[in-house]
Amino acid sequence: MENKYQPIILIVDDVSINLQVLGNILKKSGYKISAALSGKQALTIIENTKPDLILLDIMMPEMDGFEMCKILKSKPETKDIPIIFLTAKTEKQDVIDGINLGAVDYVTKPFNSTELLARVNNHIELKLSKDELQRVNKELTNSLAQIKLLKGLIPICANCKKIRDDTGFWQEVESYISHHTDANFSHGICPDCMKELYPDIYKTLQERDNKLE
């Protein structure tokens, strides 16, 4: 993986040799691996470390893969974790049941390692892209909420409608907006300042305006 961040893949299978083989394949591709021999053990691991993807066997004692998938999809904090069923169950109905439960893919054993890696890579990329989009949307929402609070802070005179600059307050507001958004500010010169600083230009503009009238 080119990314500095190493995605975490949780492998759940009651056969230890399967965990070892899959772990070696995925580690060589740059993934961090977590492993569980049962559904209950996997749920405990997920409480402490949320994986980016789960490779889940179906036929396991105590809690099978379908039941574990139902539990994960029923919780807001785990429902978005992509699950790939990796199992020896090859019946068409099993595939349909797995997808209906919310799994993103279904791979049968014995599997082709190249094909499995391709599927894993695709779903990891989708997951990371979705996470990044959610992060950006959250930041944007927070920034917009903060900007909305500023609408009552702008120091506008109730009489002449000019913006005051009480002890540099307006500069502070501008600095705040610039820091929290990508807004670019441009500044014009009011007529009073134009008359004082650039009398020749002001006179020319006044003569032009008088002619237009």
N, C-alpha and C. Protein backbone atom coordinates (compact mmCIF):
# COMPACT_ATOMS: atom_id res chain seq x y z
N MET A 1 0.84 -1.20 0.00
CA MET A 1 0.00 0.00 0.00
C MET A 1 0.88 1.25 0.00
N GLU A 2 0.57 2.23 -0.83
CA GLU A 2 1.36 3.44 -0.89
C GLU A 2 1.03 4.38 0.26
N ASN A 3 -0.17 4.28 0.78
CA ASN A 3 -0.60 5.16 1.85
C ASN A 3 0.24 4.93 3.09
N LYS A 4 0.54 5.99 3.83
CA LYS A 4 1.25 5.84 5.09
C LYS A 4 0.38 5.11 6.10
N TYR A 5 -0.92 5.38 6.03
CA TYR A 5 -1.84 4.70 6.93
C TYR A 5 -1.99 3.24 6.50
N GLN A 6 -1.85 2.33 7.46
CA GLN A 6 -2.01 0.91 7.17
C GLN A 6 -3.42 0.47 7.57
N PRO A 7 -4.25 0.15 6.60
CA PRO A 7 -5.60 -0.32 6.93
C PRO A 7 -5.54 -1.62 7.74
N ILE A 8 -6.50 -1.77 8.64
CA ILE A 8 -6.56 -2.94 9.50
C ILE A 8 -7.62 -3.90 8.98
N ILE A 9 -7.23 -5.15 8.78
CA ILE A 9 -8.16 -6.18 8.34
C ILE A 9 -8.30 -7.23 9.44
N LEU A 10 -9.53 -7.48 9.84
CA LEU A 10 -9.81 -8.50 10.83
C LEU A 10 -10.24 -9.78 10.12
N ILE A 11 -9.52 -10.88 10.39
CA ILE A 11 -9.84 -12.18 9.82
C ILE A 11 -10.51 -13.02 10.90
N VAL A 12 -11.68 -13.54 10.58
CA VAL A 12 -12.43 -14.35 11.55
C VAL A 12 -12.66 -15.73 10.96
N ASP A 13 -12.02 -16.74 11.58
CA ASP A 13 -12.12 -18.12 11.08
C ASP A 13 -11.77 -19.05 12.25
N ASP A 14 -12.50 -20.13 12.40
CA ASP A 14 -12.24 -21.04 13.53
C ASP A 14 -11.11 -22.03 13.25
N VAL A 15 -10.50 -21.95 12.05
CA VAL A 15 -9.36 -22.81 11.70
C VAL A 15 -8.10 -21.95 11.72
N SER A 16 -7.20 -22.24 12.64
CA SER A 16 -6.03 -21.40 12.84
C SER A 16 -5.12 -21.33 11.61
N ILE A 17 -5.01 -22.43 10.87
CA ILE A 17 -4.14 -22.42 9.68
C ILE A 17 -4.67 -21.45 8.63
N ASN A 18 -6.00 -21.31 8.57
CA ASN A 18 -6.60 -20.35 7.62
C ASN A 18 -6.22 -18.92 8.00
N LEU A 19 -6.22 -18.65 9.30
CA LEU A 19 -5.82 -17.33 9.77
C LEU A 19 -4.37 -17.04 9.40
N GLN A 20 -3.53 -18.05 9.55
CA GLN A 20 -2.11 -17.87 9.25
C GLN A 20 -1.87 -17.62 7.76
N VAL A 21 -2.52 -18.41 6.91
CA VAL A 21 -2.33 -18.28 5.46
C VAL A 21 -2.84 -16.91 4.99
N LEU A 22 -4.05 -16.55 5.40
CA LEU A 22 -4.61 -15.26 4.99
C LEU A 22 -3.80 -14.11 5.54
N GLY A 23 -3.37 -14.24 6.78
CA GLY A 23 -2.56 -13.18 7.40
C GLY A 23 -1.28 -12.92 6.64
N ASN A 24 -0.61 -13.98 6.22
CA ASN A 24 0.65 -13.83 5.47
C ASN A 24 0.41 -13.16 4.12
N ILE A 25 -0.68 -13.55 3.44
CA ILE A 25 -1.00 -12.96 2.13
C ILE A 25 -1.25 -11.46 2.26
N LEU A 26 -2.03 -11.08 3.26
CA LEU A 26 -2.43 -9.68 3.42
C LEU A 26 -1.29 -8.82 3.97
N LYS A 27 -0.47 -9.39 4.83
CA LYS A 27 0.67 -8.63 5.38
C LYS A 27 1.64 -8.24 4.27
N LYS A 28 1.85 -9.14 3.31
CA LYS A 28 2.75 -8.85 2.20
C LYS A 28 2.25 -7.69 1.35
N SER A 29 0.95 -7.42 1.43
CA SER A 29 0.37 -6.30 0.68
C SER A 29 0.31 -5.02 1.52
N GLY A 30 0.86 -5.08 2.72
CA GLY A 30 0.97 -3.86 3.54
C GLY A 30 -0.16 -3.65 4.52
N TYR A 31 -1.01 -4.63 4.72
CA TYR A 31 -2.11 -4.47 5.66
C TYR A 31 -1.71 -4.89 7.07
N LYS A 32 -2.33 -4.25 8.04
CA LYS A 32 -2.20 -4.69 9.43
C LYS A 32 -3.27 -5.74 9.67
N ILE A 33 -2.90 -6.80 10.37
CA ILE A 33 -3.81 -7.92 10.52
C ILE A 33 -4.20 -8.12 11.98
N SER A 34 -5.50 -8.39 12.15
CA SER A 34 -6.03 -8.81 13.44
C SER A 34 -6.78 -10.10 13.18
N ALA A 35 -6.76 -11.04 14.15
CA ALA A 35 -7.36 -12.34 13.89
C ALA A 35 -8.19 -12.81 15.08
N ALA A 36 -9.24 -13.57 14.76
CA ALA A 36 -10.12 -14.12 15.79
C ALA A 36 -10.56 -15.52 15.38
N LEU A 37 -10.66 -16.43 16.36
CA LEU A 37 -11.05 -17.81 16.10
C LEU A 37 -12.55 -18.04 16.27
N SER A 38 -13.28 -17.00 16.67
CA SER A 38 -14.73 -17.13 16.84
C SER A 38 -15.39 -15.77 16.67
N GLY A 39 -16.70 -15.81 16.48
CA GLY A 39 -17.45 -14.56 16.34
C GLY A 39 -17.41 -13.74 17.62
N LYS A 40 -17.54 -14.41 18.77
CA LYS A 40 -17.52 -13.70 20.05
C LYS A 40 -16.18 -13.03 20.30
N GLN A 41 -15.10 -13.74 19.98
CA GLN A 41 -13.76 -13.15 20.13
C GLN A 41 -13.60 -11.95 19.20
N ALA A 42 -14.15 -12.06 17.99
CA ALA A 42 -14.05 -10.97 17.02
C ALA A 42 -14.78 -9.73 17.52
N LEU A 43 -15.97 -9.90 18.10
CA LEU A 43 -16.74 -8.77 18.61
C LEU A 43 -15.99 -8.06 19.74
N THR A 44 -15.30 -8.82 20.56
CA THR A 44 -14.49 -8.22 21.63
C THR A 44 -13.34 -7.40 21.05
N ILE A 45 -12.69 -7.94 20.02
CA ILE A 45 -11.59 -7.22 19.37
C ILE A 45 -12.08 -5.91 18.77
N ILE A 46 -13.25 -5.96 18.11
CA ILE A 46 -13.80 -4.78 17.43
C ILE A 46 -14.14 -3.67 18.43
N GLU A 47 -14.51 -4.05 19.65
CA GLU A 47 -14.81 -3.04 20.67
C GLU A 47 -13.58 -2.20 20.99
N ASN A 48 -12.40 -2.78 20.86
CA ASN A 48 -11.15 -2.08 21.19
C ASN A 48 -10.47 -1.48 19.96
N THR A 49 -10.55 -2.17 18.85
CA THR A 49 -9.90 -1.70 17.62
C THR A 49 -10.84 -1.91 16.44
N LYS A 50 -11.30 -0.82 15.87
CA LYS A 50 -12.25 -0.90 14.75
C LYS A 50 -11.49 -1.18 13.45
N PRO A 51 -11.72 -2.33 12.81
CA PRO A 51 -11.01 -2.64 11.56
C PRO A 51 -11.60 -1.88 10.38
N ASP A 52 -10.83 -1.82 9.30
CA ASP A 52 -11.29 -1.18 8.07
C ASP A 52 -12.04 -2.17 7.18
N LEU A 53 -11.84 -3.46 7.44
CA LEU A 53 -12.53 -4.49 6.66
C LEU A 53 -12.47 -5.79 7.44
N ILE A 54 -13.49 -6.64 7.27
CA ILE A 54 -13.53 -7.94 7.95
C ILE A 54 -13.67 -9.05 6.92
N LEU A 55 -12.79 -10.05 7.00
CA LEU A 55 -12.92 -11.28 6.23
C LEU A 55 -13.55 -12.30 7.17
N LEU A 56 -14.76 -12.72 6.86
CA LEU A 56 -15.57 -13.48 7.82
C LEU A 56 -15.99 -14.84 7.30
N ASP A 57 -15.61 -15.88 8.05
CA ASP A 57 -16.08 -17.23 7.73
C ASP A 57 -17.53 -17.36 8.20
N ILE A 58 -18.26 -18.28 7.62
CA ILE A 58 -19.66 -18.47 8.01
C ILE A 58 -19.81 -19.62 9.00
N MET A 59 -19.22 -20.76 8.69
CA MET A 59 -19.40 -21.95 9.52
C MET A 59 -18.44 -21.95 10.70
N MET A 60 -18.93 -21.44 11.83
CA MET A 60 -18.15 -21.40 13.06
C MET A 60 -19.04 -21.81 14.22
N PRO A 61 -18.46 -22.42 15.27
CA PRO A 61 -19.26 -22.84 16.43
C PRO A 61 -19.70 -21.63 17.27
N GLU A 62 -20.71 -21.81 18.08
CA GLU A 62 -21.27 -20.80 18.99
C GLU A 62 -21.97 -19.67 18.24
N MET A 63 -21.26 -18.98 17.39
CA MET A 63 -21.84 -17.88 16.61
C MET A 63 -21.33 -17.96 15.18
N ASP A 64 -22.21 -18.21 14.22
CA ASP A 64 -21.74 -18.29 12.83
C ASP A 64 -21.56 -16.89 12.23
N GLY A 65 -21.03 -16.86 11.03
CA GLY A 65 -20.73 -15.58 10.39
C GLY A 65 -21.96 -14.74 10.10
N PHE A 66 -23.06 -15.39 9.75
CA PHE A 66 -24.29 -14.65 9.49
C PHE A 66 -24.76 -13.90 10.74
N GLU A 67 -24.72 -14.59 11.87
CA GLU A 67 -25.16 -13.97 13.13
C GLU A 67 -24.26 -12.80 13.51
N MET A 68 -22.96 -13.00 13.35
CA MET A 68 -22.02 -11.93 13.66
C MET A 68 -22.26 -10.72 12.76
N CYS A 69 -22.50 -10.98 11.49
CA CYS A 69 -22.76 -9.90 10.54
C CYS A 69 -24.01 -9.11 10.95
N LYS A 70 -25.07 -9.82 11.35
CA LYS A 70 -26.30 -9.15 11.80
C LYS A 70 -26.02 -8.21 12.96
N ILE A 71 -25.21 -8.68 13.91
CA ILE A 71 -24.89 -7.86 15.09
C ILE A 71 -24.15 -6.59 14.69
N LEU A 72 -23.17 -6.74 13.83
CA LEU A 72 -22.36 -5.58 13.41
C LEU A 72 -23.21 -4.57 12.63
N LYS A 73 -24.07 -5.06 11.76
CA LYS A 73 -24.88 -4.17 10.93
C LYS A 73 -26.00 -3.50 11.72
N SER A 74 -26.27 -3.99 12.93
CA SER A 74 -27.33 -3.40 13.75
C SER A 74 -26.83 -2.26 14.64
N LYS A 75 -25.51 -2.07 14.67
CA LYS A 75 -24.93 -1.04 15.54
C LYS A 75 -24.39 0.13 14.71
N PRO A 76 -24.73 1.36 15.06
CA PRO A 76 -24.26 2.53 14.30
C PRO A 76 -22.74 2.62 14.19
N GLU A 77 -22.04 2.21 15.25
CA GLU A 77 -20.58 2.35 15.26
C GLU A 77 -19.86 1.29 14.42
N THR A 78 -20.57 0.22 14.02
CA THR A 78 -19.91 -0.83 13.23
C THR A 78 -20.61 -1.14 11.91
N LYS A 79 -21.76 -0.53 11.67
CA LYS A 79 -22.55 -0.89 10.48
C LYS A 79 -21.86 -0.56 9.16
N ASP A 80 -20.90 0.38 9.17
CA ASP A 80 -20.24 0.78 7.93
C ASP A 80 -18.95 0.01 7.66
N ILE A 81 -18.59 -0.91 8.55
CA ILE A 81 -17.38 -1.72 8.31
C ILE A 81 -17.68 -2.72 7.19
N PRO A 82 -16.95 -2.68 6.07
CA PRO A 82 -17.22 -3.64 4.99
C PRO A 82 -16.87 -5.07 5.41
N ILE A 83 -17.77 -6.00 5.08
CA ILE A 83 -17.57 -7.41 5.42
C ILE A 83 -17.54 -8.23 4.14
N ILE A 84 -16.51 -9.05 4.00
CA ILE A 84 -16.42 -10.00 2.90
C ILE A 84 -16.55 -11.40 3.50
N PHE A 85 -17.58 -12.12 3.11
CA PHE A 85 -17.69 -13.51 3.55
C PHE A 85 -16.69 -14.35 2.78
N LEU A 86 -15.88 -15.11 3.51
CA LEU A 86 -14.89 -15.99 2.90
C LEU A 86 -15.16 -17.39 3.45
N THR A 87 -15.81 -18.23 2.66
CA THR A 87 -16.39 -19.45 3.20
C THR A 87 -16.43 -20.59 2.19
N ALA A 88 -16.59 -21.79 2.72
CA ALA A 88 -16.72 -22.97 1.86
C ALA A 88 -18.16 -23.19 1.43
N LYS A 89 -19.08 -22.42 1.97
CA LYS A 89 -20.50 -22.54 1.58
C LYS A 89 -20.69 -21.91 0.20
N THR A 90 -21.04 -22.76 -0.75
CA THR A 90 -21.09 -22.30 -2.14
C THR A 90 -22.50 -22.25 -2.73
N GLU A 91 -23.50 -22.60 -1.94
CA GLU A 91 -24.86 -22.58 -2.45
C GLU A 91 -25.28 -21.15 -2.81
N LYS A 92 -26.05 -21.03 -3.89
CA LYS A 92 -26.49 -19.71 -4.34
C LYS A 92 -27.27 -18.97 -3.27
N GLN A 93 -28.08 -19.69 -2.51
CA GLN A 93 -28.88 -19.06 -1.47
C GLN A 93 -27.99 -18.49 -0.36
N ASP A 94 -26.88 -19.17 -0.08
CA ASP A 94 -25.94 -18.67 0.93
C ASP A 94 -25.35 -17.33 0.50
N VAL A 95 -25.02 -17.23 -0.79
CA VAL A 95 -24.48 -15.97 -1.33
C VAL A 95 -25.53 -14.86 -1.20
N ILE A 96 -26.76 -15.19 -1.58
CA ILE A 96 -27.85 -14.20 -1.50
C ILE A 96 -28.07 -13.76 -0.05
N ASP A 97 -28.08 -14.74 0.86
CA ASP A 97 -28.28 -14.41 2.28
C ASP A 97 -27.17 -13.50 2.79
N GLY A 98 -25.95 -13.79 2.40
CA GLY A 98 -24.81 -12.98 2.86
C GLY A 98 -24.89 -11.54 2.37
N ILE A 99 -25.22 -11.37 1.10
CA ILE A 99 -25.34 -10.02 0.55
C ILE A 99 -26.52 -9.28 1.16
N ASN A 100 -27.63 -9.99 1.37
CA ASN A 100 -28.80 -9.36 1.98
C ASN A 100 -28.54 -8.90 3.41
N LEU A 101 -27.62 -9.54 4.08
CA LEU A 101 -27.27 -9.15 5.45
C LEU A 101 -26.40 -7.89 5.49
N GLY A 102 -25.89 -7.49 4.32
CA GLY A 102 -25.09 -6.27 4.27
C GLY A 102 -23.64 -6.45 3.91
N ALA A 103 -23.24 -7.70 3.59
CA ALA A 103 -21.85 -7.93 3.17
C ALA A 103 -21.59 -7.27 1.82
N VAL A 104 -20.36 -6.81 1.61
CA VAL A 104 -20.02 -6.15 0.35
C VAL A 104 -19.56 -7.15 -0.71
N ASP A 105 -19.20 -8.37 -0.26
CA ASP A 105 -18.70 -9.36 -1.22
C ASP A 105 -18.80 -10.76 -0.60
N TYR A 106 -18.64 -11.76 -1.46
CA TYR A 106 -18.76 -13.15 -1.03
C TYR A 106 -17.74 -13.95 -1.84
N VAL A 107 -16.76 -14.54 -1.15
CA VAL A 107 -15.70 -15.30 -1.81
C VAL A 107 -15.73 -16.73 -1.28
N THR A 108 -15.69 -17.69 -2.19
CA THR A 108 -15.75 -19.09 -1.76
C THR A 108 -14.36 -19.71 -1.67
N LYS A 109 -14.24 -20.66 -0.76
CA LYS A 109 -13.01 -21.43 -0.59
C LYS A 109 -13.10 -22.69 -1.45
N PRO A 110 -11.99 -23.16 -2.02
CA PRO A 110 -10.67 -22.52 -1.99
C PRO A 110 -10.65 -21.28 -2.87
N PHE A 111 -9.90 -20.28 -2.45
CA PHE A 111 -9.90 -19.01 -3.16
C PHE A 111 -8.60 -18.79 -3.91
N ASN A 112 -8.66 -17.93 -4.90
CA ASN A 112 -7.47 -17.51 -5.62
C ASN A 112 -6.92 -16.26 -4.92
N SER A 113 -5.69 -16.31 -4.47
CA SER A 113 -5.13 -15.22 -3.66
C SER A 113 -5.07 -13.89 -4.42
N THR A 114 -4.79 -13.94 -5.71
CA THR A 114 -4.73 -12.72 -6.52
C THR A 114 -6.11 -12.07 -6.61
N GLU A 115 -7.13 -12.90 -6.85
CA GLU A 115 -8.49 -12.39 -6.93
C GLU A 115 -8.95 -11.84 -5.59
N LEU A 116 -8.63 -12.56 -4.51
CA LEU A 116 -9.03 -12.11 -3.17
C LEU A 116 -8.38 -10.76 -2.85
N LEU A 117 -7.10 -10.62 -3.16
CA LEU A 117 -6.40 -9.35 -2.90
C LEU A 117 -7.02 -8.21 -3.69
N ALA A 118 -7.40 -8.49 -4.93
CA ALA A 118 -8.01 -7.45 -5.76
C ALA A 118 -9.32 -6.98 -5.14
N ARG A 119 -10.12 -7.92 -4.66
CA ARG A 119 -11.39 -7.57 -4.02
C ARG A 119 -11.16 -6.79 -2.72
N VAL A 120 -10.21 -7.27 -1.94
CA VAL A 120 -9.88 -6.58 -0.68
C VAL A 120 -9.40 -5.16 -0.95
N ASN A 121 -8.50 -5.00 -1.91
CA ASN A 121 -7.97 -3.67 -2.24
C ASN A 121 -9.09 -2.72 -2.66
N ASN A 122 -9.99 -3.20 -3.50
CA ASN A 122 -11.09 -2.35 -3.97
C ASN A 122 -11.97 -1.88 -2.83
N HIS A 123 -12.33 -2.79 -1.94
CA HIS A 123 -13.23 -2.43 -0.85
C HIS A 123 -12.54 -1.56 0.20
N ILE A 124 -11.24 -1.77 0.37
CA ILE A 124 -10.49 -0.90 1.29
C ILE A 124 -10.43 0.51 0.74
N GLU A 125 -10.16 0.65 -0.56
CA GLU A 125 -10.10 1.97 -1.17
C GLU A 125 -11.44 2.68 -1.06
N LEU A 126 -12.52 1.96 -1.29
CA LEU A 126 -13.85 2.55 -1.16
C LEU A 126 -14.11 2.99 0.27
N LYS A 127 -13.71 2.17 1.23
CA LYS A 127 -13.93 2.50 2.65
C LYS A 127 -13.14 3.75 3.05
N LEU A 128 -11.88 3.82 2.66
CA LEU A 128 -11.05 4.97 3.02
C LEU A 128 -11.55 6.25 2.34
N SER A 129 -12.00 6.12 1.10
CA SER A 129 -12.55 7.29 0.39
C SER A 129 -13.82 7.78 1.08
N LYS A 130 -14.65 6.87 1.50
CA LYS A 130 -15.89 7.23 2.19
C LYS A 130 -15.58 7.90 3.52
N ASP A 131 -14.59 7.36 4.25
CA ASP A 131 -14.20 7.96 5.53
C ASP A 131 -13.69 9.38 5.33
N GLU A 132 -12.89 9.59 4.28
CA GLU A 132 -12.35 10.92 4.02
C GLU A 132 -13.45 11.89 3.64
N LEU A 133 -14.40 11.44 2.84
CA LEU A 133 -15.53 12.29 2.45
C LEU A 133 -16.35 12.69 3.68
N GLN A 134 -16.59 11.75 4.57
CA GLN A 134 -17.33 12.05 5.79
C GLN A 134 -16.58 13.04 6.67
N ARG A 135 -15.25 12.90 6.72
CA ARG A 135 -14.44 13.82 7.51
C ARG A 135 -14.51 15.24 6.96
N VAL A 136 -14.39 15.37 5.63
CA VAL A 136 -14.44 16.69 5.00
C VAL A 136 -15.82 17.31 5.18
N ASN A 137 -16.87 16.51 5.02
CA ASN A 137 -18.24 17.01 5.19
C ASN A 137 -18.47 17.49 6.62
N LYS A 138 -17.92 16.77 7.58
CA LYS A 138 -18.07 17.15 8.98
C LYS A 138 -17.37 18.47 9.26
N GLU A 139 -16.15 18.63 8.72
CA GLU A 139 -15.41 19.88 8.91
C GLU A 139 -16.14 21.05 8.25
N LEU A 140 -16.69 20.80 7.06
CA LEU A 140 -17.42 21.85 6.35
C LEU A 140 -18.67 22.25 7.12
N THR A 141 -19.38 21.27 7.62
CA THR A 141 -20.59 21.54 8.39
C THR A 141 -20.27 22.35 9.64
N ASN A 142 -19.19 21.97 10.33
CA ASN A 142 -18.79 22.70 11.53
C ASN A 142 -18.37 24.13 11.21
N SER A 143 -17.64 24.29 10.10
CA SER A 143 -17.19 25.64 9.71
C SER A 143 -18.38 26.52 9.35
N LEU A 144 -19.34 25.97 8.61
CA LEU A 144 -20.51 26.75 8.23
C LEU A 144 -21.33 27.14 9.46
N ALA A 145 -21.41 26.23 10.42
CA ALA A 145 -22.15 26.52 11.64
C ALA A 145 -21.49 27.66 12.41
N GLN A 146 -20.15 27.65 12.42
CA GLN A 146 -19.43 28.71 13.13
C GLN A 146 -19.57 30.05 12.41
N ILE A 147 -19.56 30.03 11.07
CA ILE A 147 -19.71 31.27 10.31
C ILE A 147 -21.09 31.87 10.53
N LYS A 148 -22.12 31.02 10.60
CA LYS A 148 -23.47 31.52 10.83
C LYS A 148 -23.57 32.29 12.14
N LEU A 149 -22.78 31.89 13.12
CA LEU A 149 -22.81 32.58 14.40
C LEU A 149 -22.27 33.99 14.31
N LEU A 150 -21.49 34.26 13.24
CA LEU A 150 -20.87 35.58 13.10
C LEU A 150 -21.84 36.64 12.60
N LYS A 151 -22.98 36.21 12.07
CA LYS A 151 -23.87 37.18 11.45
C LYS A 151 -24.36 38.22 12.43
N GLY A 152 -24.43 37.90 13.70
CA GLY A 152 -24.87 38.87 14.68
C GLY A 152 -23.74 39.67 15.29
N LEU A 153 -22.51 39.41 14.83
CA LEU A 153 -21.37 40.05 15.44
C LEU A 153 -20.83 41.22 14.61
N ILE A 154 -21.23 41.31 13.34
CA ILE A 154 -20.67 42.36 12.48
C ILE A 154 -21.10 43.73 13.00
N PRO A 155 -20.16 44.60 13.31
CA PRO A 155 -20.46 45.90 13.93
C PRO A 155 -20.93 46.94 12.91
N ILE A 156 -22.20 46.92 12.55
CA ILE A 156 -22.75 47.89 11.60
C ILE A 156 -23.51 48.97 12.35
N CYS A 157 -23.23 50.20 12.01
CA CYS A 157 -23.91 51.32 12.65
C CYS A 157 -25.39 51.32 12.27
N ALA A 158 -26.28 51.45 13.27
CA ALA A 158 -27.71 51.43 13.00
C ALA A 158 -28.18 52.66 12.25
N ASN A 159 -27.37 53.73 12.27
CA ASN A 159 -27.77 54.98 11.62
C ASN A 159 -27.24 55.08 10.19
N CYS A 160 -25.91 55.14 10.05
CA CYS A 160 -25.32 55.35 8.73
C CYS A 160 -25.02 54.04 8.00
N LYS A 161 -25.12 52.91 8.70
CA LYS A 161 -24.89 51.58 8.14
C LYS A 161 -23.44 51.29 7.81
N LYS A 162 -22.54 52.17 8.24
CA LYS A 162 -21.12 51.89 8.03
C LYS A 162 -20.65 50.84 9.03
N ILE A 163 -19.64 50.08 8.64
CA ILE A 163 -19.08 49.09 9.55
C ILE A 163 -18.03 49.75 10.43
N ARG A 164 -18.25 49.70 11.72
CA ARG A 164 -17.29 50.26 12.66
C ARG A 164 -16.14 49.28 12.82
N ASP A 165 -15.07 49.76 13.42
CA ASP A 165 -13.93 48.90 13.72
C ASP A 165 -13.52 49.14 15.16
N ASP A 166 -14.40 48.82 16.07
CA ASP A 166 -14.14 49.06 17.48
C ASP A 166 -12.98 48.22 17.97
N THR A 167 -11.90 48.89 18.31
CA THR A 167 -10.68 48.24 18.86
C THR A 167 -10.25 47.03 18.04
N GLY A 168 -10.32 47.19 16.71
CA GLY A 168 -9.84 46.12 15.83
C GLY A 168 -10.75 44.92 15.75
N PHE A 169 -12.01 45.08 16.17
CA PHE A 169 -12.93 43.94 16.21
C PHE A 169 -13.14 43.33 14.83
N TRP A 170 -13.35 44.18 13.82
CA TRP A 170 -13.62 43.67 12.47
C TRP A 170 -12.44 42.88 11.93
N GLN A 171 -11.21 43.33 12.26
CA GLN A 171 -10.03 42.58 11.83
C GLN A 171 -10.02 41.19 12.46
N GLU A 172 -10.50 41.10 13.70
CA GLU A 172 -10.55 39.80 14.37
C GLU A 172 -11.55 38.88 13.68
N VAL A 173 -12.69 39.44 13.29
CA VAL A 173 -13.71 38.65 12.59
C VAL A 173 -13.15 38.15 11.25
N GLU A 174 -12.48 39.05 10.54
CA GLU A 174 -11.90 38.68 9.24
C GLU A 174 -10.87 37.57 9.41
N SER A 175 -10.04 37.70 10.45
CA SER A 175 -9.03 36.68 10.71
C SER A 175 -9.66 35.33 11.02
N TYR A 176 -10.75 35.37 11.77
CA TYR A 176 -11.45 34.14 12.13
C TYR A 176 -12.00 33.43 10.90
N ILE A 177 -12.66 34.19 10.02
CA ILE A 177 -13.25 33.60 8.82
C ILE A 177 -12.14 33.06 7.91
N SER A 178 -11.05 33.80 7.77
CA SER A 178 -9.95 33.36 6.91
C SER A 178 -9.35 32.06 7.42
N HIS A 179 -9.30 31.93 8.76
CA HIS A 179 -8.69 30.75 9.36
C HIS A 179 -9.57 29.52 9.21
N HIS A 180 -10.89 29.69 9.27
CA HIS A 180 -11.81 28.56 9.28
C HIS A 180 -12.40 28.22 7.92
N THR A 181 -12.15 29.04 6.91
CA THR A 181 -12.69 28.77 5.59
C THR A 181 -11.65 29.09 4.52
N ASP A 182 -12.03 28.85 3.27
CA ASP A 182 -11.15 29.19 2.15
C ASP A 182 -11.51 30.55 1.55
N ALA A 183 -12.31 31.32 2.27
CA ALA A 183 -12.75 32.62 1.76
C ALA A 183 -11.56 33.55 1.57
N ASN A 184 -11.55 34.28 0.44
CA ASN A 184 -10.54 35.29 0.16
C ASN A 184 -11.18 36.67 0.26
N PHE A 185 -10.54 37.56 1.00
CA PHE A 185 -11.10 38.90 1.19
C PHE A 185 -10.42 39.90 0.27
N SER A 186 -11.23 40.79 -0.28
CA SER A 186 -10.69 41.94 -1.02
C SER A 186 -11.27 43.18 -0.36
N HIS A 187 -10.50 44.23 -0.36
CA HIS A 187 -10.92 45.44 0.35
C HIS A 187 -11.00 46.62 -0.60
N GLY A 188 -12.12 47.31 -0.56
CA GLY A 188 -12.25 48.54 -1.31
C GLY A 188 -12.08 49.73 -0.38
N ILE A 189 -12.13 50.94 -0.94
CA ILE A 189 -11.98 52.16 -0.14
C ILE A 189 -13.30 52.92 -0.17
N CYS A 190 -13.77 53.28 1.01
CA CYS A 190 -15.05 53.99 1.07
C CYS A 190 -14.87 55.41 0.52
N PRO A 191 -15.95 56.08 0.10
CA PRO A 191 -15.86 57.42 -0.49
C PRO A 191 -15.16 58.43 0.43
N ASP A 192 -15.40 58.39 1.72
CA ASP A 192 -14.76 59.33 2.64
C ASP A 192 -13.25 59.20 2.63
N CYS A 193 -12.78 57.95 2.65
CA CYS A 193 -11.33 57.72 2.63
C CYS A 193 -10.74 58.05 1.27
N MET A 194 -11.51 57.77 0.22
CA MET A 194 -11.05 58.11 -1.12
C MET A 194 -10.84 59.62 -1.24
N LYS A 195 -11.77 60.39 -0.68
CA LYS A 195 -11.68 61.85 -0.75
C LYS A 195 -10.47 62.35 0.01
N GLU A 196 -10.16 61.72 1.13
CA GLU A 196 -9.05 62.15 1.98
C GLU A 196 -7.70 61.70 1.43
N LEU A 197 -7.63 60.44 0.97
CA LEU A 197 -6.34 59.89 0.55
C LEU A 197 -6.01 60.16 -0.92
N TYR A 198 -7.05 60.16 -1.76
CA TYR A 198 -6.82 60.34 -3.19
C TYR A 198 -7.78 61.41 -3.72
N PRO A 199 -7.58 62.67 -3.34
CA PRO A 199 -8.51 63.73 -3.73
C PRO A 199 -8.66 63.91 -5.24
N ASP A 200 -7.57 63.74 -5.99
CA ASP A 200 -7.65 63.90 -7.45
C ASP A 200 -8.54 62.83 -8.07
N ILE A 201 -8.36 61.58 -7.63
CA ILE A 201 -9.18 60.48 -8.16
C ILE A 201 -10.63 60.67 -7.74
N TYR A 202 -10.81 61.09 -6.49
CA TYR A 202 -12.16 61.30 -5.98
C TYR A 202 -12.88 62.37 -6.80
N LYS A 203 -12.16 63.45 -7.12
CA LYS A 203 -12.74 64.55 -7.89
C LYS A 203 -13.14 64.07 -9.28
N THR A 204 -12.27 63.26 -9.89
CA THR A 204 -12.55 62.73 -11.23
C THR A 204 -13.80 61.84 -11.22
N LEU A 205 -13.89 60.99 -10.20
CA LEU A 205 -15.04 60.10 -10.09
C LEU A 205 -16.33 60.88 -9.86
N GLN A 206 -16.23 61.95 -9.05
CA GLN A 206 -17.40 62.77 -8.78
C GLN A 206 -17.89 63.47 -10.05
N GLU A 207 -16.94 64.00 -10.83
CA GLU A 207 -17.30 64.67 -12.08
C GLU A 207 -17.94 63.68 -13.05
N ARG A 208 -17.42 62.44 -13.07
CA ARG A 208 -18.00 61.43 -13.95
C ARG A 208 -19.42 61.10 -13.53
N ASP A 209 -19.62 60.94 -12.22
CA ASP A 209 -20.95 60.60 -11.70
C ASP A 209 -21.95 61.73 -11.98
N ASN A 210 -21.46 62.99 -11.86
CA ASN A 210 -22.35 64.13 -12.12
C ASN A 210 -22.80 64.18 -13.58
N LYS A 211 -21.88 63.83 -14.45
CA LYS A 211 -22.22 63.81 -15.88
C LYS A 211 -23.26 62.73 -16.18
N LEU A 212 -23.11 61.56 -15.47
CA LEU A 212 -24.05 60.47 -15.70
C LEU A 212 -25.44 60.82 -15.22
N GLU A 213 -25.53 61.65 -14.20
CA GLU A 213 -26.82 62.07 -13.68
C GLU A 213 -27.53 63.01 -14.67
